Amino acid sequence: MERRPFTLQQAIILCKHYQKLIGSHFDRWIPGKGTIECVAVAPFETSKQWQFAQFYKETKDPLRALRFYQGTDFDVVVLATPFLRKRNIHFKDIRAFLEEEKQALMHQKQE
């Protein structure tokens, strides 16, 4: 299935809905990757998401981190600071995160 961008308005609504993920493990299989500290509206393109994550890492403010982006295609990302490498930042778009969670839950049910 092709991943399509959200409008800014759609991304804002989804972002608000998924704030409940804050505090969850970023990666169910590798706890050292940290816990989700932010669910934010971000650019759609992966390279721009990387830039956004770097700005977020510096500012800890998703609105300030998004200022550089002038495009119209958006996504929602989850961000986490790893437990051991505090200078790094992990990010993942919300669809990929939710798909991985779904797979992990299905795997747990099979065990």
PDB file of N, CA and C in Angstrom:
ATOM      1  N   MET A   1       0.844  -1.187   0.000  1.00  0.00           N
ATOM      2  CA  MET A   1       0.000   0.000   0.000  1.00  0.00           C
ATOM      3  C   MET A   1       0.884   1.244   0.000  1.00  0.00           C
ATOM      4  N   GLU A   2       0.547   2.170  -0.843  1.00  0.00           N
ATOM      5  CA  GLU A   2       1.318   3.402  -0.951  1.00  0.00           C
ATOM      6  C   GLU A   2       1.028   4.342   0.222  1.00  0.00           C
ATOM      7  N   ARG A   3       2.090   4.854   0.782  1.00  0.00           N
ATOM      8  CA  ARG A   3       1.982   5.822   1.880  1.00  0.00           C
ATOM      9  C   ARG A   3       1.749   7.197   1.273  1.00  0.00           C
ATOM     10  N   ARG A   4       0.731   7.886   1.714  1.00  0.00           N
ATOM     11  CA  ARG A   4       0.413   9.213   1.187  1.00  0.00           C
ATOM     12  C   ARG A   4       0.530  10.251   2.292  1.00  0.00           C
ATOM     13  N   PRO A   5       0.860  11.470   1.913  1.00  0.00           N
ATOM     14  CA  PRO A   5       0.990  12.526   2.922  1.00  0.00           C
ATOM     15  C   PRO A   5      -0.367  12.961   3.465  1.00  0.00           C
ATOM     16  N   PHE A   6      -0.307  13.574   4.626  1.00  0.00           N
ATOM     17  CA  PHE A   6      -1.483  14.195   5.220  1.00  0.00           C
ATOM     18  C   PHE A   6      -1.443  15.689   4.926  1.00  0.00           C
ATOM     19  N   THR A   7      -2.610  16.318   4.966  1.00  0.00           N
ATOM     20  CA  THR A   7      -2.633  17.777   4.977  1.00  0.00           C
ATOM     21  C   THR A   7      -2.207  18.203   6.374  1.00  0.00           C
ATOM     22  N   LEU A   8      -1.901  19.457   6.543  1.00  0.00           N
ATOM     23  CA  LEU A   8      -1.533  19.950   7.870  1.00  0.00           C
ATOM     24  C   LEU A   8      -2.667  19.703   8.857  1.00  0.00           C
ATOM     25  N   GLN A   9      -3.895  19.971   8.448  1.00  0.00           N
ATOM     26  CA  GLN A   9      -5.048  19.795   9.344  1.00  0.00           C
ATOM     27  C   GLN A   9      -5.209  18.327   9.752  1.00  0.00           C
ATOM     28  N   GLN A  10      -5.063  17.407   8.810  1.00  0.00           N
ATOM     29  CA  GLN A  10      -5.160  15.976   9.128  1.00  0.00           C
ATOM     30  C   GLN A  10      -4.055  15.561  10.095  1.00  0.00           C
ATOM     31  N   ALA A  11      -2.844  16.046   9.842  1.00  0.00           N
ATOM     32  CA  ALA A  11      -1.708  15.697  10.700  1.00  0.00           C
ATOM     33  C   ALA A  11      -1.911  16.222  12.119  1.00  0.00           C
ATOM     34  N   ILE A  12      -2.442  17.410  12.255  1.00  0.00           N
ATOM     35  CA  ILE A  12      -2.697  17.981  13.586  1.00  0.00           C
ATOM     36  C   ILE A  12      -3.701  17.120  14.350  1.00  0.00           C
ATOM     37  N   ILE A  13      -4.768  16.694  13.680  1.00  0.00           N
ATOM     38  CA  ILE A  13      -5.791  15.862  14.326  1.00  0.00           C
ATOM     39  C   ILE A  13      -5.193  14.519  14.765  1.00  0.00           C
ATOM     40  N   LEU A  14      -4.439  13.872  13.871  1.00  0.00           N
ATOM     41  CA  LEU A  14      -3.804  12.598  14.227  1.00  0.00           C
ATOM     42  C   LEU A  14      -2.803  12.762  15.356  1.00  0.00           C
ATOM     43  N   CYS A  15      -2.048  13.821  15.297  1.00  0.00           N
ATOM     44  CA  CYS A  15      -1.048  14.086  16.333  1.00  0.00           C
ATOM     45  C   CYS A  15      -1.715  14.201  17.702  1.00  0.00           C
ATOM     46  N   LYS A  16      -2.799  14.932  17.769  1.00  0.00           N
ATOM     47  CA  LYS A  16      -3.518  15.071  19.045  1.00  0.00           C
ATOM     48  C   LYS A  16      -4.036  13.717  19.527  1.00  0.00           C
ATOM     49  N   HIS A  17      -4.544  12.916  18.598  1.00  0.00           N
ATOM     50  CA  HIS A  17      -5.090  11.610  18.958  1.00  0.00           C
ATOM     51  C   HIS A  17      -4.019  10.677  19.537  1.00  0.00           C
ATOM     52  N   TYR A  18      -2.812  10.732  18.984  1.00  0.00           N
ATOM     53  CA  TYR A  18      -1.765   9.803  19.388  1.00  0.00           C
ATOM     54  C   TYR A  18      -0.827  10.329  20.482  1.00  0.00           C
ATOM     55  N   GLN A  19      -1.185  11.419  21.120  1.00  0.00           N
ATOM     56  CA  GLN A  19      -0.387  11.893  22.258  1.00  0.00           C
ATOM     57  C   GLN A  19      -0.323  10.845  23.361  1.00  0.00           C
ATOM     58  N   LYS A  20      -1.303   9.964  23.387  1.00  0.00           N
ATOM     59  CA  LYS A  20      -1.340   8.900  24.395  1.00  0.00           C
ATOM     60  C   LYS A  20      -0.159   7.938  24.286  1.00  0.00           C
ATOM     61  N   LEU A  21       0.579   7.976  23.184  1.00  0.00           N
ATOM     62  CA  LEU A  21       1.747   7.107  23.021  1.00  0.00           C
ATOM     63  C   LEU A  21       2.962   7.581  23.816  1.00  0.00           C
ATOM     64  N   ILE A  22       2.942   8.830  24.235  1.00  0.00           N
ATOM     65  CA  ILE A  22       4.076   9.364  24.999  1.00  0.00           C
ATOM     66  C   ILE A  22       4.268   8.512  26.258  1.00  0.00           C
ATOM     67  N   GLY A  23       5.501   8.094  26.464  1.00  0.00           N
ATOM     68  CA  GLY A  23       5.830   7.221  27.588  1.00  0.00           C
ATOM     69  C   GLY A  23       5.910   5.751  27.220  1.00  0.00           C
ATOM     70  N   SER A  24       5.437   5.394  26.012  1.00  0.00           N
ATOM     71  CA  SER A  24       5.521   4.005  25.536  1.00  0.00           C
ATOM     72  C   SER A  24       6.922   3.718  25.012  1.00  0.00           C
ATOM     73  N   HIS A  25       7.269   2.436  24.933  1.00  0.00           N
ATOM     74  CA  HIS A  25       8.555   2.059  24.334  1.00  0.00           C
ATOM     75  C   HIS A  25       8.564   2.437  22.859  1.00  0.00           C
ATOM     76  N   PHE A  26       9.666   3.013  22.412  1.00  0.00           N
ATOM     77  CA  PHE A  26       9.829   3.337  20.996  1.00  0.00           C
ATOM     78  C   PHE A  26       9.908   2.058  20.163  1.00  0.00           C
ATOM     79  N   ASP A  27      10.593   1.067  20.705  1.00  0.00           N
ATOM     80  CA  ASP A  27      10.733  -0.226  20.029  1.00  0.00           C
ATOM     81  C   ASP A  27      10.490  -1.316  21.059  1.00  0.00           C
ATOM     82  N   ARG A  28       9.425  -2.048  20.900  1.00  0.00           N
ATOM     83  CA  ARG A  28       9.023  -3.087  21.847  1.00  0.00           C
ATOM     84  C   ARG A  28      10.106  -4.147  22.034  1.00  0.00           C
ATOM     85  N   TRP A  29      10.916  -4.393  20.995  1.00  0.00           N
ATOM     86  CA  TRP A  29      11.919  -5.453  21.031  1.00  0.00           C
ATOM     87  C   TRP A  29      13.270  -4.963  21.544  1.00  0.00           C
ATOM     88  N   ILE A  30      13.517  -3.661  21.477  1.00  0.00           N
ATOM     89  CA  ILE A  30      14.807  -3.112  21.922  1.00  0.00           C
ATOM     90  C   ILE A  30      14.524  -1.949  22.874  1.00  0.00           C
ATOM     91  N   PRO A  31      14.324  -2.231  24.172  1.00  0.00           N
ATOM     92  CA  PRO A  31      13.961  -1.188  25.130  1.00  0.00           C
ATOM     93  C   PRO A  31      14.988  -0.053  25.227  1.00  0.00           C
ATOM     94  N   GLY A  32      16.254  -0.328  24.908  1.00  0.00           N
ATOM     95  CA  GLY A  32      17.284   0.696  25.005  1.00  0.00           C
ATOM     96  C   GLY A  32      17.110   1.857  24.048  1.00  0.00           C
ATOM     97  N   LYS A  33      16.210   1.701  23.082  1.00  0.00           N
ATOM     98  CA  LYS A  33      15.970   2.800  22.144  1.00  0.00           C
ATOM     99  C   LYS A  33      15.192   3.941  22.796  1.00  0.00           C
ATOM    100  N   GLY A  34      14.718   3.714  24.000  1.00  0.00           N
ATOM    101  CA  GLY A  34      14.060   4.784  24.744  1.00  0.00           C
ATOM    102  C   GLY A  34      12.550   4.716  24.699  1.00  0.00           C
ATOM    103  N   THR A  35      11.957   5.680  25.368  1.00  0.00           N
ATOM    104  CA  THR A  35      10.506   5.799  25.374  1.00  0.00           C
ATOM    105  C   THR A  35      10.115   7.015  24.537  1.00  0.00           C
ATOM    106  N   ILE A  36       8.936   6.948  24.005  1.00  0.00           N
ATOM    107  CA  ILE A  36       8.444   8.050  23.170  1.00  0.00           C
ATOM    108  C   ILE A  36       8.296   9.280  24.045  1.00  0.00           C
ATOM    109  N   GLU A  37       8.949  10.341  23.649  1.00  0.00           N
ATOM    110  CA  GLU A  37       8.859  11.597  24.398  1.00  0.00           C
ATOM    111  C   GLU A  37       8.035  12.638  23.661  1.00  0.00           C
ATOM    112  N   CYS A  38       7.796  12.404  22.360  1.00  0.00           N
ATOM    113  CA  CYS A  38       7.060  13.394  21.581  1.00  0.00           C
ATOM    114  C   CYS A  38       6.367  12.711  20.415  1.00  0.00           C
ATOM    115  N   VAL A  39       5.134  13.110  20.169  1.00  0.00           N
ATOM    116  CA  VAL A  39       4.401  12.751  18.957  1.00  0.00           C
ATOM    117  C   VAL A  39       4.137  14.086  18.285  1.00  0.00           C
ATOM    118  N   ALA A  40       4.619  14.249  17.047  1.00  0.00           N
ATOM    119  CA  ALA A  40       4.596  15.573  16.437  1.00  0.00           C
ATOM    120  C   ALA A  40       4.242  15.543  14.960  1.00  0.00           C
ATOM    121  N   VAL A  41       3.718  16.662  14.497  1.00  0.00           N
ATOM    122  CA  VAL A  41       3.530  16.887  13.068  1.00  0.00           C
ATOM    123  C   VAL A  41       4.907  17.150  12.481  1.00  0.00           C
ATOM    124  N   ALA A  42       5.203  16.489  11.358  1.00  0.00           N
ATOM    125  CA  ALA A  42       6.514  16.610  10.722  1.00  0.00           C
ATOM    126  C   ALA A  42       6.337  16.608   9.204  1.00  0.00           C
ATOM    127  N   PRO A  43       7.387  16.949   8.485  1.00  0.00           N
ATOM    128  CA  PRO A  43       7.317  16.849   7.023  1.00  0.00           C
ATOM    129  C   PRO A  43       7.096  15.403   6.593  1.00  0.00           C
ATOM    130  N   PHE A  44       6.554  15.211   5.417  1.00  0.00           N
ATOM    131  CA  PHE A  44       6.281  13.872   4.909  1.00  0.00           C
ATOM    132  C   PHE A  44       7.537  13.154   4.424  1.00  0.00           C
ATOM    133  N   GLU A  45       8.411  13.860   3.724  1.00  0.00           N
ATOM    134  CA  GLU A  45       9.598  13.233   3.140  1.00  0.00           C
ATOM    135  C   GLU A  45      10.548  12.774   4.244  1.00  0.00           C
ATOM    136  N   THR A  46      11.109  11.580   4.089  1.00  0.00           N
ATOM    137  CA  THR A  46      11.993  11.005   5.110  1.00  0.00           C
ATOM    138  C   THR A  46      13.200  11.887   5.393  1.00  0.00           C
ATOM    139  N   SER A  47      13.805  12.461   4.356  1.00  0.00           N
ATOM    140  CA  SER A  47      14.977  13.321   4.575  1.00  0.00           C
ATOM    141  C   SER A  47      14.601  14.561   5.379  1.00  0.00           C
ATOM    142  N   LYS A  48      13.424  15.087   5.122  1.00  0.00           N
ATOM    143  CA  LYS A  48      12.944  16.254   5.888  1.00  0.00           C
ATOM    144  C   LYS A  48      12.563  15.843   7.306  1.00  0.00           C
ATOM    145  N   GLN A  49      12.084  14.604   7.488  1.00  0.00           N
ATOM    146  CA  GLN A  49      11.801  14.111   8.837  1.00  0.00           C
ATOM    147  C   GLN A  49      13.100  14.020   9.634  1.00  0.00           C
ATOM    148  N   TRP A  50      14.170  13.580   8.966  1.00  0.00           N
ATOM    149  CA  TRP A  50      15.472  13.516   9.643  1.00  0.00           C
ATOM    150  C   TRP A  50      15.888  14.915  10.096  1.00  0.00           C
ATOM    151  N   GLN A  51      15.750  15.902   9.203  1.00  0.00           N
ATOM    152  CA  GLN A  51      16.080  17.291   9.572  1.00  0.00           C
ATOM    153  C   GLN A  51      15.221  17.738  10.751  1.00  0.00           C
ATOM    154  N   PHE A  52      13.936  17.455  10.678  1.00  0.00           N
ATOM    155  CA  PHE A  52      13.017  17.811  11.760  1.00  0.00           C
ATOM    156  C   PHE A  52      13.478  17.196  13.072  1.00  0.00           C
ATOM    157  N   ALA A  53      13.844  15.917  13.035  1.00  0.00           N
ATOM    158  CA  ALA A  53      14.290  15.220  14.255  1.00  0.00           C
ATOM    159  C   ALA A  53      15.547  15.877  14.831  1.00  0.00           C
ATOM    160  N   GLN A  54      16.455  16.313  13.962  1.00  0.00           N
ATOM    161  CA  GLN A  54      17.671  16.974  14.444  1.00  0.00           C
ATOM    162  C   GLN A  54      17.343  18.312  15.107  1.00  0.00           C
ATOM    163  N   PHE A  55      16.446  19.073  14.490  1.00  0.00           N
ATOM    164  CA  PHE A  55      16.022  20.344  15.099  1.00  0.00           C
ATOM    165  C   PHE A  55      15.297  20.082  16.420  1.00  0.00           C
ATOM    166  N   TYR A  56      14.471  19.035  16.454  1.00  0.00           N
ATOM    167  CA  TYR A  56      13.770  18.694  17.695  1.00  0.00           C
ATOM    168  C   TYR A  56      14.775  18.324  18.789  1.00  0.00           C
ATOM    169  N   LYS A  57      15.788  17.556  18.417  1.00  0.00           N
ATOM    170  CA  LYS A  57      16.806  17.140  19.388  1.00  0.00           C
ATOM    171  C   LYS A  57      17.466  18.359  20.031  1.00  0.00           C
ATOM    172  N   GLU A  58      17.684  19.396  19.243  1.00  0.00           N
ATOM    173  CA  GLU A  58      18.329  20.612  19.751  1.00  0.00           C
ATOM    174  C   GLU A  58      17.382  21.471  20.582  1.00  0.00           C
ATOM    175  N   THR A  59      16.135  21.573  20.159  1.00  0.00           N
ATOM    176  CA  THR A  59      15.200  22.514  20.787  1.00  0.00           C
ATOM    177  C   THR A  59      14.231  21.881  21.775  1.00  0.00           C
ATOM    178  N   LYS A  60      13.946  20.574  21.596  1.00  0.00           N
ATOM    179  CA  LYS A  60      12.905  19.875  22.378  1.00  0.00           C
ATOM    180  C   LYS A  60      11.543  20.559  22.222  1.00  0.00           C
ATOM    181  N   ASP A  61      11.363  21.232  21.080  1.00  0.00           N
ATOM    182  CA  ASP A  61      10.128  21.954  20.791  1.00  0.00           C
ATOM    183  C   ASP A  61       9.694  21.607  19.364  1.00  0.00           C
ATOM    184  N   PRO A  62       8.650  20.788  19.205  1.00  0.00           N
ATOM    185  CA  PRO A  62       8.256  20.363  17.860  1.00  0.00           C
ATOM    186  C   PRO A  62       7.797  21.512  16.954  1.00  0.00           C
ATOM    187  N   LEU A  63       7.215  22.549  17.518  1.00  0.00           N
ATOM    188  CA  LEU A  63       6.780  23.674  16.693  1.00  0.00           C
ATOM    189  C   LEU A  63       7.978  24.444  16.140  1.00  0.00           C
ATOM    190  N   ARG A  64       8.964  24.686  16.979  1.00  0.00           N
ATOM    191  CA  ARG A  64      10.191  25.347  16.511  1.00  0.00           C
ATOM    192  C   ARG A  64      10.937  24.466  15.523  1.00  0.00           C
ATOM    193  N   ALA A  65      10.933  23.164  15.762  1.00  0.00           N
ATOM    194  CA  ALA A  65      11.636  22.239  14.877  1.00  0.00           C
ATOM    195  C   ALA A  65      11.017  22.199  13.482  1.00  0.00           C
ATOM    196  N   LEU A  66       9.748  22.513  13.375  1.00  0.00           N
ATOM    197  CA  LEU A  66       9.045  22.463  12.095  1.00  0.00           C
ATOM    198  C   LEU A  66       9.166  23.768  11.297  1.00  0.00           C
ATOM    199  N   ARG A  67       9.675  24.813  11.898  1.00  0.00           N
ATOM    200  CA  ARG A  67       9.739  26.126  11.237  1.00  0.00           C
ATOM    201  C   ARG A  67      10.470  26.112   9.896  1.00  0.00           C
ATOM    202  N   PHE A  68      11.470  25.266   9.746  1.00  0.00           N
ATOM    203  CA  PHE A  68      12.261  25.250   8.517  1.00  0.00           C
ATOM    204  C   PHE A  68      11.450  24.776   7.312  1.00  0.00           C
ATOM    205  N   TYR A  69      10.409  23.999   7.561  1.00  0.00           N
ATOM    206  CA  TYR A  69       9.691  23.317   6.483  1.00  0.00           C
ATOM    207  C   TYR A  69       8.654  24.232   5.850  1.00  0.00           C
ATOM    208  N   GLN A  70       8.746  24.370   4.524  1.00  0.00           N
ATOM    209  CA  GLN A  70       7.826  25.236   3.786  1.00  0.00           C
ATOM    210  C   GLN A  70       6.865  24.451   2.894  1.00  0.00           C
ATOM    211  N   GLY A  71       6.923  23.118   2.957  1.00  0.00           N
ATOM    212  CA  GLY A  71       6.095  22.282   2.099  1.00  0.00           C
ATOM    213  C   GLY A  71       4.660  22.161   2.572  1.00  0.00           C
ATOM    214  N   THR A  72       3.895  21.362   1.824  1.00  0.00           N
ATOM    215  CA  THR A  72       2.470  21.175   2.141  1.00  0.00           C
ATOM    216  C   THR A  72       2.121  19.723   2.451  1.00  0.00           C
ATOM    217  N   ASP A  73       3.116  18.838   2.413  1.00  0.00           N
ATOM    218  CA  ASP A  73       2.888  17.424   2.681  1.00  0.00           C
ATOM    219  C   ASP A  73       3.421  17.080   4.069  1.00  0.00           C
ATOM    220  N   PHE A  74       2.530  16.535   4.917  1.00  0.00           N
ATOM    221  CA  PHE A  74       2.886  16.298   6.312  1.00  0.00           C
ATOM    222  C   PHE A  74       2.686  14.845   6.711  1.00  0.00           C
ATOM    223  N   ASP A  75       3.251  14.522   7.844  1.00  0.00           N
ATOM    224  CA  ASP A  75       3.115  13.210   8.460  1.00  0.00           C
ATOM    225  C   ASP A  75       3.118  13.442   9.972  1.00  0.00           C
ATOM    226  N   VAL A  76       2.957  12.378  10.717  1.00  0.00           N
ATOM    227  CA  VAL A  76       3.063  12.424  12.174  1.00  0.00           C
ATOM    228  C   VAL A  76       4.186  11.452  12.533  1.00  0.00           C
ATOM    229  N   VAL A  77       5.089  11.883  13.407  1.00  0.00           N
ATOM    230  CA  VAL A  77       6.207  11.028  13.813  1.00  0.00           C
ATOM    231  C   VAL A  77       6.231  10.879  15.328  1.00  0.00           C
ATOM    232  N   VAL A  78       6.817   9.762  15.755  1.00  0.00           N
ATOM    233  CA  VAL A  78       7.110   9.565  17.171  1.00  0.00           C
ATOM    234  C   VAL A  78       8.621   9.730  17.329  1.00  0.00           C
ATOM    235  N   LEU A  79       9.031  10.365  18.424  1.00  0.00           N
ATOM    236  CA  LEU A  79      10.445  10.626  18.677  1.00  0.00           C
ATOM    237  C   LEU A  79      10.838  10.115  20.051  1.00  0.00           C
ATOM    238  N   ALA A  80      12.067   9.591  20.132  1.00  0.00           N
ATOM    239  CA  ALA A  80      12.573   9.075  21.406  1.00  0.00           C
ATOM    240  C   ALA A  80      14.067   9.305  21.490  1.00  0.00           C
ATOM    241  N   THR A  81      14.543   9.597  22.697  1.00  0.00           N
ATOM    242  CA  THR A  81      15.973   9.697  22.963  1.00  0.00           C
ATOM    243  C   THR A  81      16.416   8.363  23.560  1.00  0.00           C
ATOM    244  N   PRO A  82      17.430   7.725  22.951  1.00  0.00           N
ATOM    245  CA  PRO A  82      17.885   6.447  23.487  1.00  0.00           C
ATOM    246  C   PRO A  82      18.418   6.592  24.906  1.00  0.00           C
ATOM    247  N   PHE A  83      18.294   5.533  25.695  1.00  0.00           N
ATOM    248  CA  PHE A  83      18.729   5.583  27.083  1.00  0.00           C
ATOM    249  C   PHE A  83      20.233   5.805  27.224  1.00  0.00           C
ATOM    250  N   LEU A  84      21.041   5.178  26.383  1.00  0.00           N
ATOM    251  CA  LEU A  84      22.486   5.251  26.554  1.00  0.00           C
ATOM    252  C   LEU A  84      23.158   6.345  25.728  1.00  0.00           C
ATOM    253  N   ARG A  85      22.606   6.679  24.609  1.00  0.00           N
ATOM    254  CA  ARG A  85      23.221   7.690  23.740  1.00  0.00           C
ATOM    255  C   ARG A  85      22.315   8.908  23.688  1.00  0.00           C
ATOM    256  N   LYS A  86      22.409   9.717  24.708  1.00  0.00           N
ATOM    257  CA  LYS A  86      21.492  10.849  24.863  1.00  0.00           C
ATOM    258  C   LYS A  86      21.616  11.889  23.754  1.00  0.00           C
ATOM    259  N   ARG A  87      22.733  11.858  23.010  1.00  0.00           N
ATOM    260  CA  ARG A  87      22.885  12.841  21.939  1.00  0.00           C
ATOM    261  C   ARG A  87      22.172  12.415  20.655  1.00  0.00           C
ATOM    262  N   ASN A  88      21.692  11.191  20.601  1.00  0.00           N
ATOM    263  CA  ASN A  88      20.973  10.696  19.423  1.00  0.00           C
ATOM    264  C   ASN A  88      19.483  10.947  19.570  1.00  0.00           C
ATOM    265  N   ILE A  89      18.780  10.769  18.468  1.00  0.00           N
ATOM    266  CA  ILE A  89      17.315  10.834  18.485  1.00  0.00           C
ATOM    267  C   ILE A  89      16.797   9.788  17.501  1.00  0.00           C
ATOM    268  N   HIS A  90      15.786   9.059  17.914  1.00  0.00           N
ATOM    269  CA  HIS A  90      15.134   8.095  17.024  1.00  0.00           C
ATOM    270  C   HIS A  90      13.795   8.686  16.609  1.00  0.00           C
ATOM    271  N   PHE A  91      13.431   8.446  15.362  1.00  0.00           N
ATOM    272  CA  PHE A  91      12.116   8.887  14.897  1.00  0.00           C
ATOM    273  C   PHE A  91      11.557   7.845  13.945  1.00  0.00           C
ATOM    274  N   LYS A  92      10.237   7.832  13.875  1.00  0.00           N
ATOM    275  CA  LYS A  92       9.546   6.871  13.012  1.00  0.00           C
ATOM    276  C   LYS A  92       8.185   7.474  12.677  1.00  0.00           C
ATOM    277  N   ASP A  93       7.745   7.318  11.426  1.00  0.00           N
ATOM    278  CA  ASP A  93       6.421   7.853  11.107  1.00  0.00           C
ATOM    279  C   ASP A  93       5.357   7.001  11.809  1.00  0.00           C
ATOM    280  N   ILE A  94       4.241   7.613  12.074  1.00  0.00           N
ATOM    281  CA  ILE A  94       3.206   6.995  12.902  1.00  0.00           C
ATOM    282  C   ILE A  94       2.676   5.701  12.286  1.00  0.00           C
ATOM    283  N   ARG A  95       2.567   5.638  10.964  1.00  0.00           N
ATOM    284  CA  ARG A  95       2.047   4.418  10.330  1.00  0.00           C
ATOM    285  C   ARG A  95       3.004   3.254  10.523  1.00  0.00           C
ATOM    286  N   ALA A  96       4.296   3.523  10.357  1.00  0.00           N
ATOM    287  CA  ALA A  96       5.300   2.460  10.561  1.00  0.00           C
ATOM    288  C   ALA A  96       5.299   2.014  12.017  1.00  0.00           C
ATOM    289  N   PHE A  97       5.213   2.976  12.941  1.00  0.00           N
ATOM    290  CA  PHE A  97       5.184   2.635  14.366  1.00  0.00           C
ATOM    291  C   PHE A  97       3.978   1.759  14.688  1.00  0.00           C
ATOM    292  N   LEU A  98       2.805   2.153  14.222  1.00  0.00           N
ATOM    293  CA  LEU A  98       1.592   1.390  14.522  1.00  0.00           C
ATOM    294  C   LEU A  98       1.620   0.004  13.883  1.00  0.00           C
ATOM    295  N   GLU A  99       2.170  -0.110  12.688  1.00  0.00           N
ATOM    296  CA  GLU A  99       2.283  -1.414  12.030  1.00  0.00           C
ATOM    297  C   GLU A  99       3.215  -2.329  12.826  1.00  0.00           C
ATOM    298  N   GLU A 100       4.333  -1.787  13.301  1.00  0.00           N
ATOM    299  CA  GLU A 100       5.259  -2.583  14.107  1.00  0.00           C
ATOM    300  C   GLU A 100       4.609  -3.025  15.414  1.00  0.00           C
ATOM    301  N   GLU A 101       3.838  -2.151  16.025  1.00  0.00           N
ATOM    302  CA  GLU A 101       3.121  -2.509  17.254  1.00  0.00           C
ATOM    303  C   GLU A 101       2.115  -3.625  16.983  1.00  0.00           C
ATOM    304  N   LYS A 102       1.404  -3.505  15.889  1.00  0.00           N
ATOM    305  CA  LYS A 102       0.418  -4.529  15.512  1.00  0.00           C
ATOM    306  C   LYS A 102       1.112  -5.881  15.319  1.00  0.00           C
ATOM    307  N   GLN A 103       2.244  -5.881  14.607  1.00  0.00           N
ATOM    308  CA  GLN A 103       2.993  -7.119  14.379  1.00  0.00           C
ATOM    309  C   GLN A 103       3.488  -7.711  15.699  1.00  0.00           C
ATOM    310  N   ALA A 104       3.970  -6.859  16.596  1.00  0.00           N
ATOM    311  CA  ALA A 104       4.472  -7.335  17.883  1.00  0.00           C
ATOM    312  C   ALA A 104       3.344  -7.970  18.695  1.00  0.00           C
ATOM    313  N   LEU A 105       2.178  -7.352  18.686  1.00  0.00           N
ATOM    314  CA  LEU A 105       1.041  -7.909  19.427  1.00  0.00           C
ATOM    315  C   LEU A 105       0.600  -9.242  18.834  1.00  0.00           C
ATOM    316  N   MET A 106       0.606  -9.344  17.513  1.00  0.00           N
ATOM    317  CA  MET A 106       0.231 -10.604  16.869  1.00  0.00           C
ATOM    318  C   MET A 106       1.247 -11.690  17.224  1.00  0.00           C
ATOM    319  N   HIS A 107       2.512 -11.319  17.260  1.00  0.00           N
ATOM    320  CA  HIS A 107       3.571 -12.269  17.603  1.00  0.00           C
ATOM    321  C   HIS A 107       3.400 -12.757  19.051  1.00  0.00           C
ATOM    322  N   GLN A 108       3.078 -11.848  19.949  1.00  0.00           N
ATOM    323  CA  GLN A 108       2.865 -12.209  21.359  1.00  0.00           C
ATOM    324  C   GLN A 108       1.687 -13.166  21.512  1.00  0.00           C
ATOM    325  N   LYS A 109       0.627 -12.948  20.743  1.00  0.00           N
ATOM    326  CA  LYS A 109      -0.543 -13.816  20.827  1.00  0.00           C
ATOM    327  C   LYS A 109      -0.215 -15.229  20.375  1.00  0.00           C
ATOM    328  N   GLN A 110       0.701 -15.347  19.430  1.00  0.00           N
ATOM    329  CA  GLN A 110       1.072 -16.672  18.907  1.00  0.00           C
ATOM    330  C   GLN A 110       1.917 -17.456  19.902  1.00  0.00           C
ATOM    331  N   GLU A 111       2.587 -16.786  20.802  1.00  0.00           N
ATOM    332  CA  GLU A 111       3.471 -17.470  21.759  1.00  0.00           C
ATOM    333  C   GLU A 111       2.707 -18.133  22.866  1.00  0.00           C
TER     334      GLU A 111
END
